Amino acid sequence: MNIYGLKNCDTCRKALKLLEGAVLIDIRSTPMPDDLRARAMAEFGDDLLNTRSTTWRGLDAAARARPMAELLAEYPALMKRPLIEDAKGRLYLGWSKDMQGRLGSTGPTA
């Protein structure tokens, strides 16, 4: 199981601690593969973009109007975190109580 996020993100670290055998991939130092970003965008749409982040608030209107794929490639911190990919290639976004219950401590259920 891969957790795509930031190594200094508390939420990503919490997910890493709870998900046995998971690997954290810091998207600042290891850019997310284009195909994975495209799959995540197709599955989660606008929910993939964290518009509450300080990075987003620092962008001007012209930058915010750019395509999401370009923004996420240039500013990895704009991605809602964590993005979790299980061994079967299924994607999960965020670390809400619901998501924690779905993934549990050993990975995805059903």
PDB file of N, CA and C in Angstrom:
ATOM      1  N   MET A   1       0.853  -1.174   0.000  1.00  0.00           N
ATOM      2  CA  MET A   1       0.000   0.000   0.000  1.00  0.00           C
ATOM      3  C   MET A   1       0.894   1.231   0.000  1.00  0.00           C
ATOM      4  N   ASN A   2       0.582   2.173  -0.863  1.00  0.00           N
ATOM      5  CA  ASN A   2       1.341   3.420  -0.947  1.00  0.00           C
ATOM      6  C   ASN A   2       0.491   4.576  -0.460  1.00  0.00           C
ATOM      7  N   ILE A   3       1.109   5.442   0.314  1.00  0.00           N
ATOM      8  CA  ILE A   3       0.464   6.663   0.780  1.00  0.00           C
ATOM      9  C   ILE A   3       1.201   7.810   0.107  1.00  0.00           C
ATOM     10  N   TYR A   4       0.501   8.550  -0.740  1.00  0.00           N
ATOM     11  CA  TYR A   4       1.083   9.700  -1.417  1.00  0.00           C
ATOM     12  C   TYR A   4       0.711  10.937  -0.618  1.00  0.00           C
ATOM     13  N   GLY A   5       1.723  11.655  -0.179  1.00  0.00           N
ATOM     14  CA  GLY A   5       1.489  12.843   0.632  1.00  0.00           C
ATOM     15  C   GLY A   5       2.798  13.561   0.892  1.00  0.00           C
ATOM     16  N   LEU A   6       2.861  14.204   2.037  1.00  0.00           N
ATOM     17  CA  LEU A   6       4.053  14.951   2.418  1.00  0.00           C
ATOM     18  C   LEU A   6       4.581  14.397   3.730  1.00  0.00           C
ATOM     19  N   LYS A   7       5.901  14.259   3.829  1.00  0.00           N
ATOM     20  CA  LYS A   7       6.480  13.650   5.017  1.00  0.00           C
ATOM     21  C   LYS A   7       6.249  14.473   6.275  1.00  0.00           C
ATOM     22  N   ASN A   8       6.031  15.783   6.120  1.00  0.00           N
ATOM     23  CA  ASN A   8       5.795  16.616   7.293  1.00  0.00           C
ATOM     24  C   ASN A   8       4.306  16.857   7.557  1.00  0.00           C
ATOM     25  N   CYS A   9       3.436  16.151   6.860  1.00  0.00           N
ATOM     26  CA  CYS A   9       1.988  16.281   7.038  1.00  0.00           C
ATOM     27  C   CYS A   9       1.550  15.346   8.175  1.00  0.00           C
ATOM     28  N   ASP A  10       0.959  15.931   9.217  1.00  0.00           N
ATOM     29  CA  ASP A  10       0.519  15.130  10.359  1.00  0.00           C
ATOM     30  C   ASP A  10      -0.487  14.063   9.963  1.00  0.00           C
ATOM     31  N   THR A  11      -1.396  14.402   9.075  1.00  0.00           N
ATOM     32  CA  THR A  11      -2.418  13.451   8.655  1.00  0.00           C
ATOM     33  C   THR A  11      -1.795  12.261   7.924  1.00  0.00           C
ATOM     34  N   CYS A  12      -0.813  12.531   7.065  1.00  0.00           N
ATOM     35  CA  CYS A  12      -0.131  11.449   6.351  1.00  0.00           C
ATOM     36  C   CYS A  12       0.625  10.551   7.329  1.00  0.00           C
ATOM     37  N   ARG A  13       1.246  11.162   8.318  1.00  0.00           N
ATOM     38  CA  ARG A  13       1.979  10.360   9.311  1.00  0.00           C
ATOM     39  C   ARG A  13       1.030   9.500  10.136  1.00  0.00           C
ATOM     40  N   LYS A  14      -0.152  10.020  10.454  1.00  0.00           N
ATOM     41  CA  LYS A  14      -1.136   9.224  11.194  1.00  0.00           C
ATOM     42  C   LYS A  14      -1.572   8.019  10.370  1.00  0.00           C
ATOM     43  N   ALA A  15      -1.821   8.230   9.082  1.00  0.00           N
ATOM     44  CA  ALA A  15      -2.228   7.124   8.207  1.00  0.00           C
ATOM     45  C   ALA A  15      -1.108   6.092   8.110  1.00  0.00           C
ATOM     46  N   LEU A  16       0.118   6.564   7.963  1.00  0.00           N
ATOM     47  CA  LEU A  16       1.261   5.656   7.856  1.00  0.00           C
ATOM     48  C   LEU A  16       1.402   4.807   9.115  1.00  0.00           C
ATOM     49  N   LYS A  17       1.194   5.410  10.252  1.00  0.00           N
ATOM     50  CA  LYS A  17       1.328   4.700  11.522  1.00  0.00           C
ATOM     51  C   LYS A  17       0.262   3.616  11.679  1.00  0.00           C
ATOM     52  N   LEU A  18      -0.939   3.890  11.192  1.00  0.00           N
ATOM     53  CA  LEU A  18      -2.044   2.953  11.380  1.00  0.00           C
ATOM     54  C   LEU A  18      -2.091   1.849  10.324  1.00  0.00           C
ATOM     55  N   LEU A  19      -1.621   2.139   9.120  1.00  0.00           N
ATOM     56  CA  LEU A  19      -1.711   1.160   8.038  1.00  0.00           C
ATOM     57  C   LEU A  19      -0.435   0.321   7.979  1.00  0.00           C
ATOM     58  N   GLU A  20      -0.535  -0.894   8.438  1.00  0.00           N
ATOM     59  CA  GLU A  20       0.614  -1.793   8.498  1.00  0.00           C
ATOM     60  C   GLU A  20       1.205  -2.041   7.112  1.00  0.00           C
ATOM     61  N   GLY A  21       2.504  -1.909   7.000  1.00  0.00           N
ATOM     62  CA  GLY A  21       3.191  -2.195   5.751  1.00  0.00           C
ATOM     63  C   GLY A  21       3.091  -1.100   4.708  1.00  0.00           C
ATOM     64  N   ALA A  22       2.438  -0.005   5.036  1.00  0.00           N
ATOM     65  CA  ALA A  22       2.295   1.091   4.073  1.00  0.00           C
ATOM     66  C   ALA A  22       3.613   1.844   3.922  1.00  0.00           C
ATOM     67  N   VAL A  23       3.790   2.444   2.757  1.00  0.00           N
ATOM     68  CA  VAL A  23       4.988   3.226   2.452  1.00  0.00           C
ATOM     69  C   VAL A  23       4.536   4.640   2.105  1.00  0.00           C
ATOM     70  N   LEU A  24       5.162   5.629   2.750  1.00  0.00           N
ATOM     71  CA  LEU A  24       4.854   7.019   2.445  1.00  0.00           C
ATOM     72  C   LEU A  24       5.743   7.499   1.317  1.00  0.00           C
ATOM     73  N   ILE A  25       5.126   8.018   0.278  1.00  0.00           N
ATOM     74  CA  ILE A  25       5.864   8.582  -0.854  1.00  0.00           C
ATOM     75  C   ILE A  25       5.646  10.089  -0.805  1.00  0.00           C
ATOM     76  N   ASP A  26       6.724  10.818  -0.492  1.00  0.00           N
ATOM     77  CA  ASP A  26       6.650  12.270  -0.386  1.00  0.00           C
ATOM     78  C   ASP A  26       6.592  12.851  -1.792  1.00  0.00           C
ATOM     79  N   ILE A  27       5.459  13.459  -2.125  1.00  0.00           N
ATOM     80  CA  ILE A  27       5.249  13.928  -3.495  1.00  0.00           C
ATOM     81  C   ILE A  27       6.030  15.194  -3.824  1.00  0.00           C
ATOM     82  N   ARG A  28       6.694  15.765  -2.836  1.00  0.00           N
ATOM     83  CA  ARG A  28       7.589  16.886  -3.146  1.00  0.00           C
ATOM     84  C   ARG A  28       8.926  16.375  -3.666  1.00  0.00           C
ATOM     85  N   SER A  29       9.424  15.306  -3.069  1.00  0.00           N
ATOM     86  CA  SER A  29      10.721  14.776  -3.502  1.00  0.00           C
ATOM     87  C   SER A  29      10.592  13.706  -4.583  1.00  0.00           C
ATOM     88  N   THR A  30       9.469  13.031  -4.631  1.00  0.00           N
ATOM     89  CA  THR A  30       9.196  12.012  -5.647  1.00  0.00           C
ATOM     90  C   THR A  30       7.865  12.352  -6.296  1.00  0.00           C
ATOM     91  N   PRO A  31       7.890  13.081  -7.394  1.00  0.00           N
ATOM     92  CA  PRO A  31       6.630  13.497  -8.022  1.00  0.00           C
ATOM     93  C   PRO A  31       5.721  12.308  -8.331  1.00  0.00           C
ATOM     94  N   MET A  32       4.442  12.541  -8.156  1.00  0.00           N
ATOM     95  CA  MET A  32       3.457  11.508  -8.431  1.00  0.00           C
ATOM     96  C   MET A  32       3.456  11.188  -9.927  1.00  0.00           C
ATOM     97  N   PRO A  33       3.426   9.916 -10.290  1.00  0.00           N
ATOM     98  CA  PRO A  33       3.359   9.558 -11.711  1.00  0.00           C
ATOM     99  C   PRO A  33       2.130  10.182 -12.381  1.00  0.00           C
ATOM    100  N   ASP A  34       2.304  10.618 -13.612  1.00  0.00           N
ATOM    101  CA  ASP A  34       1.216  11.271 -14.348  1.00  0.00           C
ATOM    102  C   ASP A  34      -0.019  10.386 -14.448  1.00  0.00           C
ATOM    103  N   ASP A  35       0.176   9.076 -14.664  1.00  0.00           N
ATOM    104  CA  ASP A  35      -0.979   8.187 -14.799  1.00  0.00           C
ATOM    105  C   ASP A  35      -1.745   8.066 -13.490  1.00  0.00           C
ATOM    106  N   LEU A  36      -1.042   8.063 -12.366  1.00  0.00           N
ATOM    107  CA  LEU A  36      -1.713   8.001 -11.069  1.00  0.00           C
ATOM    108  C   LEU A  36      -2.476   9.296 -10.809  1.00  0.00           C
ATOM    109  N   ARG A  37      -1.866  10.428 -11.133  1.00  0.00           N
ATOM    110  CA  ARG A  37      -2.539  11.718 -10.956  1.00  0.00           C
ATOM    111  C   ARG A  37      -3.817  11.761 -11.806  1.00  0.00           C
ATOM    112  N   ALA A  38      -3.724  11.269 -13.038  1.00  0.00           N
ATOM    113  CA  ALA A  38      -4.884  11.253 -13.936  1.00  0.00           C
ATOM    114  C   ALA A  38      -5.993  10.348 -13.376  1.00  0.00           C
ATOM    115  N   ARG A  39      -5.628   9.189 -12.845  1.00  0.00           N
ATOM    116  CA  ARG A  39      -6.621   8.287 -12.248  1.00  0.00           C
ATOM    117  C   ARG A  39      -7.290   8.935 -11.043  1.00  0.00           C
ATOM    118  N   ALA A  40      -6.484   9.583 -10.211  1.00  0.00           N
ATOM    119  CA  ALA A  40      -7.025  10.244  -9.015  1.00  0.00           C
ATOM    120  C   ALA A  40      -7.944  11.389  -9.406  1.00  0.00           C
ATOM    121  N   MET A  41      -7.562  12.158 -10.426  1.00  0.00           N
ATOM    122  CA  MET A  41      -8.406  13.261 -10.880  1.00  0.00           C
ATOM    123  C   MET A  41      -9.728  12.731 -11.436  1.00  0.00           C
ATOM    124  N   ALA A  42      -9.664  11.630 -12.179  1.00  0.00           N
ATOM    125  CA  ALA A  42     -10.880  11.043 -12.750  1.00  0.00           C
ATOM    126  C   ALA A  42     -11.800  10.517 -11.645  1.00  0.00           C
ATOM    127  N   GLU A  43     -11.212   9.951 -10.599  1.00  0.00           N
ATOM    128  CA  GLU A  43     -12.021   9.364  -9.537  1.00  0.00           C
ATOM    129  C   GLU A  43     -12.556  10.387  -8.543  1.00  0.00           C
ATOM    130  N   PHE A  44     -11.737  11.373  -8.186  1.00  0.00           N
ATOM    131  CA  PHE A  44     -12.122  12.299  -7.117  1.00  0.00           C
ATOM    132  C   PHE A  44     -12.477  13.703  -7.604  1.00  0.00           C
ATOM    133  N   GLY A  45     -12.179  14.007  -8.865  1.00  0.00           N
ATOM    134  CA  GLY A  45     -12.516  15.323  -9.413  1.00  0.00           C
ATOM    135  C   GLY A  45     -11.929  16.458  -8.598  1.00  0.00           C
ATOM    136  N   ASP A  46     -12.735  17.490  -8.400  1.00  0.00           N
ATOM    137  CA  ASP A  46     -12.287  18.680  -7.684  1.00  0.00           C
ATOM    138  C   ASP A  46     -11.928  18.409  -6.227  1.00  0.00           C
ATOM    139  N   ASP A  47     -12.407  17.300  -5.669  1.00  0.00           N
ATOM    140  CA  ASP A  47     -12.081  16.973  -4.284  1.00  0.00           C
ATOM    141  C   ASP A  47     -10.586  16.721  -4.093  1.00  0.00           C
ATOM    142  N   LEU A  48      -9.864  16.445  -5.155  1.00  0.00           N
ATOM    143  CA  LEU A  48      -8.427  16.187  -5.069  1.00  0.00           C
ATOM    144  C   LEU A  48      -7.641  17.465  -4.772  1.00  0.00           C
ATOM    145  N   LEU A  49      -8.227  18.614  -5.064  1.00  0.00           N
ATOM    146  CA  LEU A  49      -7.556  19.895  -4.885  1.00  0.00           C
ATOM    147  C   LEU A  49      -7.916  20.474  -3.521  1.00  0.00           C
ATOM    148  N   ASN A  50      -6.900  20.758  -2.716  1.00  0.00           N
ATOM    149  CA  ASN A  50      -7.102  21.309  -1.382  1.00  0.00           C
ATOM    150  C   ASN A  50      -7.139  22.834  -1.471  1.00  0.00           C
ATOM    151  N   THR A  51      -8.328  23.383  -1.561  1.00  0.00           N
ATOM    152  CA  THR A  51      -8.474  24.837  -1.711  1.00  0.00           C
ATOM    153  C   THR A  51      -8.457  25.554  -0.362  1.00  0.00           C
ATOM    154  N   ARG A  52      -8.236  24.823   0.719  1.00  0.00           N
ATOM    155  CA  ARG A  52      -8.107  25.445   2.036  1.00  0.00           C
ATOM    156  C   ARG A  52      -6.645  25.619   2.438  1.00  0.00           C
ATOM    157  N   SER A  53      -5.734  25.155   1.606  1.00  0.00           N
ATOM    158  CA  SER A  53      -4.316  25.192   1.962  1.00  0.00           C
ATOM    159  C   SER A  53      -3.728  26.592   1.839  1.00  0.00           C
ATOM    160  N   THR A  54      -2.634  26.812   2.541  1.00  0.00           N
ATOM    161  CA  THR A  54      -1.931  28.094   2.431  1.00  0.00           C
ATOM    162  C   THR A  54      -1.345  28.255   1.035  1.00  0.00           C
ATOM    163  N   THR A  55      -0.984  27.163   0.397  1.00  0.00           N
ATOM    164  CA  THR A  55      -0.472  27.236  -0.973  1.00  0.00           C
ATOM    165  C   THR A  55      -1.546  27.802  -1.896  1.00  0.00           C
ATOM    166  N   TRP A  56      -2.775  27.304  -1.794  1.00  0.00           N
ATOM    167  CA  TRP A  56      -3.878  27.784  -2.623  1.00  0.00           C
ATOM    168  C   TRP A  56      -4.145  29.262  -2.370  1.00  0.00           C
ATOM    169  N   ARG A  57      -4.174  29.635  -1.100  1.00  0.00           N
ATOM    170  CA  ARG A  57      -4.451  31.033  -0.761  1.00  0.00           C
ATOM    171  C   ARG A  57      -3.367  31.965  -1.286  1.00  0.00           C
ATOM    172  N   GLY A  58      -2.158  31.445  -1.492  1.00  0.00           N
ATOM    173  CA  GLY A  58      -1.061  32.257  -2.003  1.00  0.00           C
ATOM    174  C   GLY A  58      -1.056  32.427  -3.519  1.00  0.00           C
ATOM    175  N   LEU A  59      -1.917  31.694  -4.213  1.00  0.00           N
ATOM    176  CA  LEU A  59      -1.974  31.784  -5.676  1.00  0.00           C
ATOM    177  C   LEU A  59      -2.883  32.923  -6.116  1.00  0.00           C
ATOM    178  N   ASP A  60      -2.507  33.580  -7.189  1.00  0.00           N
ATOM    179  CA  ASP A  60      -3.376  34.623  -7.738  1.00  0.00           C
ATOM    180  C   ASP A  60      -4.461  33.979  -8.605  1.00  0.00           C
ATOM    181  N   ALA A  61      -5.400  34.784  -9.044  1.00  0.00           N
ATOM    182  CA  ALA A  61      -6.543  34.271  -9.812  1.00  0.00           C
ATOM    183  C   ALA A  61      -6.109  33.580 -11.098  1.00  0.00           C
ATOM    184  N   ALA A  62      -5.095  34.099 -11.754  1.00  0.00           N
ATOM    185  CA  ALA A  62      -4.626  33.486 -13.006  1.00  0.00           C
ATOM    186  C   ALA A  62      -4.065  32.092 -12.743  1.00  0.00           C
ATOM    187  N   ALA A  63      -3.311  31.938 -11.670  1.00  0.00           N
ATOM    188  CA  ALA A  63      -2.747  30.632 -11.340  1.00  0.00           C
ATOM    189  C   ALA A  63      -3.855  29.647 -10.969  1.00  0.00           C
ATOM    190  N   ARG A  64      -4.831  30.108 -10.208  1.00  0.00           N
ATOM    191  CA  ARG A  64      -5.942  29.244  -9.798  1.00  0.00           C
ATOM    192  C   ARG A  64      -6.779  28.769 -10.981  1.00  0.00           C
ATOM    193  N   ALA A  65      -6.770  29.523 -12.058  1.00  0.00           N
ATOM    194  CA  ALA A  65      -7.561  29.179 -13.239  1.00  0.00           C
ATOM    195  C   ALA A  65      -6.886  28.127 -14.116  1.00  0.00           C
ATOM    196  N   ARG A  66      -5.643  27.805 -13.836  1.00  0.00           N
ATOM    197  CA  ARG A  66      -4.932  26.796 -14.631  1.00  0.00           C
ATOM    198  C   ARG A  66      -5.552  25.421 -14.436  1.00  0.00           C
ATOM    199  N   PRO A  67      -5.335  24.510 -15.382  1.00  0.00           N
ATOM    200  CA  PRO A  67      -5.859  23.147 -15.235  1.00  0.00           C
ATOM    201  C   PRO A  67      -5.320  22.473 -13.969  1.00  0.00           C
ATOM    202  N   MET A  68      -6.168  21.687 -13.339  1.00  0.00           N
ATOM    203  CA  MET A  68      -5.804  21.032 -12.086  1.00  0.00           C
ATOM    204  C   MET A  68      -4.536  20.186 -12.220  1.00  0.00           C
ATOM    205  N   ALA A  69      -4.381  19.476 -13.313  1.00  0.00           N
ATOM    206  CA  ALA A  69      -3.201  18.623 -13.497  1.00  0.00           C
ATOM    207  C   ALA A  69      -1.918  19.452 -13.438  1.00  0.00           C
ATOM    208  N   GLU A  70      -1.930  20.618 -14.064  1.00  0.00           N
ATOM    209  CA  GLU A  70      -0.757  21.495 -14.035  1.00  0.00           C
ATOM    210  C   GLU A  70      -0.492  22.007 -12.626  1.00  0.00           C
ATOM    211  N   LEU A  71      -1.551  22.423 -11.946  1.00  0.00           N
ATOM    212  CA  LEU A  71      -1.391  22.930 -10.582  1.00  0.00           C
ATOM    213  C   LEU A  71      -0.814  21.866  -9.651  1.00  0.00           C
ATOM    214  N   LEU A  72      -1.357  20.654  -9.728  1.00  0.00           N
ATOM    215  CA  LEU A  72      -0.879  19.585  -8.848  1.00  0.00           C
ATOM    216  C   LEU A  72       0.551  19.173  -9.169  1.00  0.00           C
ATOM    217  N   ALA A  73       0.925  19.245 -10.437  1.00  0.00           N
ATOM    218  CA  ALA A  73       2.296  18.911 -10.824  1.00  0.00           C
ATOM    219  C   ALA A  73       3.276  19.968 -10.310  1.00  0.00           C
ATOM    220  N   GLU A  74       2.886  21.233 -10.408  1.00  0.00           N
ATOM    221  CA  GLU A  74       3.778  22.314  -9.993  1.00  0.00           C
ATOM    222  C   GLU A  74       3.763  22.551  -8.482  1.00  0.00           C
ATOM    223  N   TYR A  75       2.590  22.379  -7.866  1.00  0.00           N
ATOM    224  CA  TYR A  75       2.427  22.624  -6.427  1.00  0.00           C
ATOM    225  C   TYR A  75       1.866  21.368  -5.756  1.00  0.00           C
ATOM    226  N   PRO A  76       2.707  20.392  -5.446  1.00  0.00           N
ATOM    227  CA  PRO A  76       2.210  19.128  -4.868  1.00  0.00           C
ATOM    228  C   PRO A  76       1.419  19.322  -3.575  1.00  0.00           C
ATOM    229  N   ALA A  77       1.725  20.372  -2.823  1.00  0.00           N
ATOM    230  CA  ALA A  77       1.023  20.596  -1.556  1.00  0.00           C
ATOM    231  C   ALA A  77      -0.446  20.946  -1.762  1.00  0.00           C
ATOM    232  N   LEU A  78      -0.858  21.209  -2.993  1.00  0.00           N
ATOM    233  CA  LEU A  78      -2.265  21.496  -3.273  1.00  0.00           C
ATOM    234  C   LEU A  78      -3.141  20.244  -3.257  1.00  0.00           C
ATOM    235  N   MET A  79      -2.523  19.071  -3.277  1.00  0.00           N
ATOM    236  CA  MET A  79      -3.306  17.841  -3.286  1.00  0.00           C
ATOM    237  C   MET A  79      -3.852  17.563  -1.895  1.00  0.00           C
ATOM    238  N   LYS A  80      -5.129  17.215  -1.842  1.00  0.00           N
ATOM    239  CA  LYS A  80      -5.698  16.772  -0.572  1.00  0.00           C
ATOM    240  C   LYS A  80      -4.953  15.511  -0.171  1.00  0.00           C
ATOM    241  N   ARG A  81      -4.675  15.382   1.108  1.00  0.00           N
ATOM    242  CA  ARG A  81      -3.853  14.271   1.564  1.00  0.00           C
ATOM    243  C   ARG A  81      -4.547  13.493   2.683  1.00  0.00           C
ATOM    244  N   PRO A  82      -4.126  12.253   2.793  1.00  0.00           N
ATOM    245  CA  PRO A  82      -3.292  11.465   1.896  1.00  0.00           C
ATOM    246  C   PRO A  82      -4.103  10.849   0.753  1.00  0.00           C
ATOM    247  N   LEU A  83      -3.405  10.528  -0.320  1.00  0.00           N
ATOM    248  CA  LEU A  83      -3.955   9.724  -1.403  1.00  0.00           C
ATOM    249  C   LEU A  83      -3.369   8.339  -1.199  1.00  0.00           C
ATOM    250  N   ILE A  84      -4.223   7.370  -0.989  1.00  0.00           N
ATOM    251  CA  ILE A  84      -3.777   6.014  -0.659  1.00  0.00           C
ATOM    252  C   ILE A  84      -4.119   5.087  -1.819  1.00  0.00           C
ATOM    253  N   GLU A  85      -3.129   4.309  -2.232  1.00  0.00           N
ATOM    254  CA  GLU A  85      -3.329   3.304  -3.280  1.00  0.00           C
ATOM    255  C   GLU A  85      -3.054   1.939  -2.665  1.00  0.00           C
ATOM    256  N   ASP A  86      -4.057   1.061  -2.703  1.00  0.00           N
ATOM    257  CA  ASP A  86      -3.851  -0.267  -2.137  1.00  0.00           C
ATOM    258  C   ASP A  86      -3.194  -1.200  -3.151  1.00  0.00           C
ATOM    259  N   ALA A  87      -2.936  -2.420  -2.737  1.00  0.00           N
ATOM    260  CA  ALA A  87      -2.231  -3.384  -3.582  1.00  0.00           C
ATOM    261  C   ALA A  87      -3.007  -3.732  -4.850  1.00  0.00           C
ATOM    262  N   LYS A  88      -4.322  -3.536  -4.842  1.00  0.00           N
ATOM    263  CA  LYS A  88      -5.147  -3.832  -6.016  1.00  0.00           C
ATOM    264  C   LYS A  88      -5.327  -2.606  -6.905  1.00  0.00           C
ATOM    265  N   GLY A  89      -4.676  -1.502  -6.545  1.00  0.00           N
ATOM    266  CA  GLY A  89      -4.766  -0.289  -7.348  1.00  0.00           C
ATOM    267  C   GLY A  89      -5.946   0.604  -7.018  1.00  0.00           C
ATOM    268  N   ARG A  90      -6.728   0.249  -5.995  1.00  0.00           N
ATOM    269  CA  ARG A  90      -7.852   1.098  -5.594  1.00  0.00           C
ATOM    270  C   ARG A  90      -7.317   2.341  -4.895  1.00  0.00           C
ATOM    271  N   LEU A  91      -7.995   3.451  -5.120  1.00  0.00           N
ATOM    272  CA  LEU A  91      -7.564   4.726  -4.550  1.00  0.00           C
ATOM    273  C   LEU A  91      -8.528   5.190  -3.464  1.00  0.00           C
ATOM    274  N   TYR A  92      -7.958   5.808  -2.449  1.00  0.00           N
ATOM    275  CA  TYR A  92      -8.718   6.379  -1.339  1.00  0.00           C
ATOM    276  C   TYR A  92      -8.154   7.767  -1.086  1.00  0.00           C
ATOM    277  N   LEU A  93      -9.022   8.708  -0.716  1.00  0.00           N
ATOM    278  CA  LEU A  93      -8.573  10.078  -0.512  1.00  0.00           C
ATOM    279  C   LEU A  93      -8.980  10.569   0.865  1.00  0.00           C
ATOM    280  N   GLY A  94      -8.009  11.108   1.581  1.00  0.00           N
ATOM    281  CA  GLY A  94      -8.271  11.689   2.891  1.00  0.00           C
ATOM    282  C   GLY A  94      -8.096  10.689   4.017  1.00  0.00           C
ATOM    283  N   TRP A  95      -8.241  11.187   5.246  1.00  0.00           N
ATOM    284  CA  TRP A  95      -8.055  10.349   6.419  1.00  0.00           C
ATOM    285  C   TRP A  95      -9.113  10.695   7.464  1.00  0.00           C
ATOM    286  N   SER A  96     -10.361  10.711   7.020  1.00  0.00           N
ATOM    287  CA  SER A  96     -11.480  10.970   7.919  1.00  0.00           C
ATOM    288  C   SER A  96     -11.719   9.749   8.804  1.00  0.00           C
ATOM    289  N   LYS A  97     -12.574   9.902   9.797  1.00  0.00           N
ATOM    290  CA  LYS A  97     -12.929   8.767  10.664  1.00  0.00           C
ATOM    291  C   LYS A  97     -13.529   7.638   9.820  1.00  0.00           C
ATOM    292  N   ASP A  98     -14.341   7.996   8.833  1.00  0.00           N
ATOM    293  CA  ASP A  98     -14.945   7.002   7.949  1.00  0.00           C
ATOM    294  C   ASP A  98     -13.857   6.234   7.190  1.00  0.00           C
ATOM    295  N   MET A  99     -12.886   6.975   6.659  1.00  0.00           N
ATOM    296  CA  MET A  99     -11.812   6.327   5.909  1.00  0.00           C
ATOM    297  C   MET A  99     -10.975   5.433   6.812  1.00  0.00           C
ATOM    298  N   GLN A 100     -10.709   5.885   8.019  1.00  0.00           N
ATOM    299  CA  GLN A 100      -9.945   5.064   8.965  1.00  0.00           C
ATOM    300  C   GLN A 100     -10.668   3.760   9.244  1.00  0.00           C
ATOM    301  N   GLY A 101     -11.987   3.836   9.375  1.00  0.00           N
ATOM    302  CA  GLY A 101     -12.777   2.632   9.597  1.00  0.00           C
ATOM    303  C   GLY A 101     -12.777   1.710   8.390  1.00  0.00           C
ATOM    304  N   ARG A 102     -12.815   2.294   7.193  1.00  0.00           N
ATOM    305  CA  ARG A 102     -12.811   1.496   5.960  1.00  0.00           C
ATOM    306  C   ARG A 102     -11.490   0.773   5.773  1.00  0.00           C
ATOM    307  N   LEU A 103     -10.392   1.458   6.066  1.00  0.00           N
ATOM    308  CA  LEU A 103      -9.071   0.872   5.818  1.00  0.00           C
ATOM    309  C   LEU A 103      -8.547   0.102   7.013  1.00  0.00           C
ATOM    310  N   GLY A 104      -8.942   0.496   8.218  1.00  0.00           N
ATOM    311  CA  GLY A 104      -8.502  -0.212   9.412  1.00  0.00           C
ATOM    312  C   GLY A 104      -7.000  -0.247   9.553  1.00  0.00           C
ATOM    313  N   SER A 105      -6.519  -1.106  10.395  1.00  0.00           N
ATOM    314  CA  SER A 105      -5.079  -1.169  10.654  1.00  0.00           C
ATOM    315  C   SER A 105      -4.377  -2.156   9.746  1.00  0.00           C
ATOM    316  N   THR A 106      -5.134  -2.933   8.976  1.00  0.00           N
ATOM    317  CA  THR A 106      -4.480  -3.925   8.132  1.00  0.00           C
ATOM    318  C   THR A 106      -4.717  -3.697   6.651  1.00  0.00           C
ATOM    319  N   GLY A 107      -5.444  -2.653   6.313  1.00  0.00           N
ATOM    320  CA  GLY A 107      -5.683  -2.373   4.905  1.00  0.00           C
ATOM    321  C   GLY A 107      -7.158  -2.360   4.584  1.00  0.00           C
ATOM    322  N   PRO A 108      -7.502  -2.253   3.311  1.00  0.00           N
ATOM    323  CA  PRO A 108      -8.894  -2.131   2.889  1.00  0.00           C
ATOM    324  C   PRO A 108      -9.723  -3.361   3.225  1.00  0.00           C
ATOM    325  N   THR A 109     -10.986  -3.104   3.484  1.00  0.00           N
ATOM    326  CA  THR A 109     -11.918  -4.195   3.695  1.00  0.00           C
ATOM    327  C   THR A 109     -12.748  -4.375   2.429  1.00  0.00           C
ATOM    328  N   ALA A 110     -12.968  -5.589   2.074  1.00  0.00           N
ATOM    329  CA  ALA A 110     -13.761  -5.988   0.890  1.00  0.00           C
ATOM    330  C   ALA A 110     -13.487  -5.174  -0.268  1.00  0.00           C
TER     331      ALA A 110
END
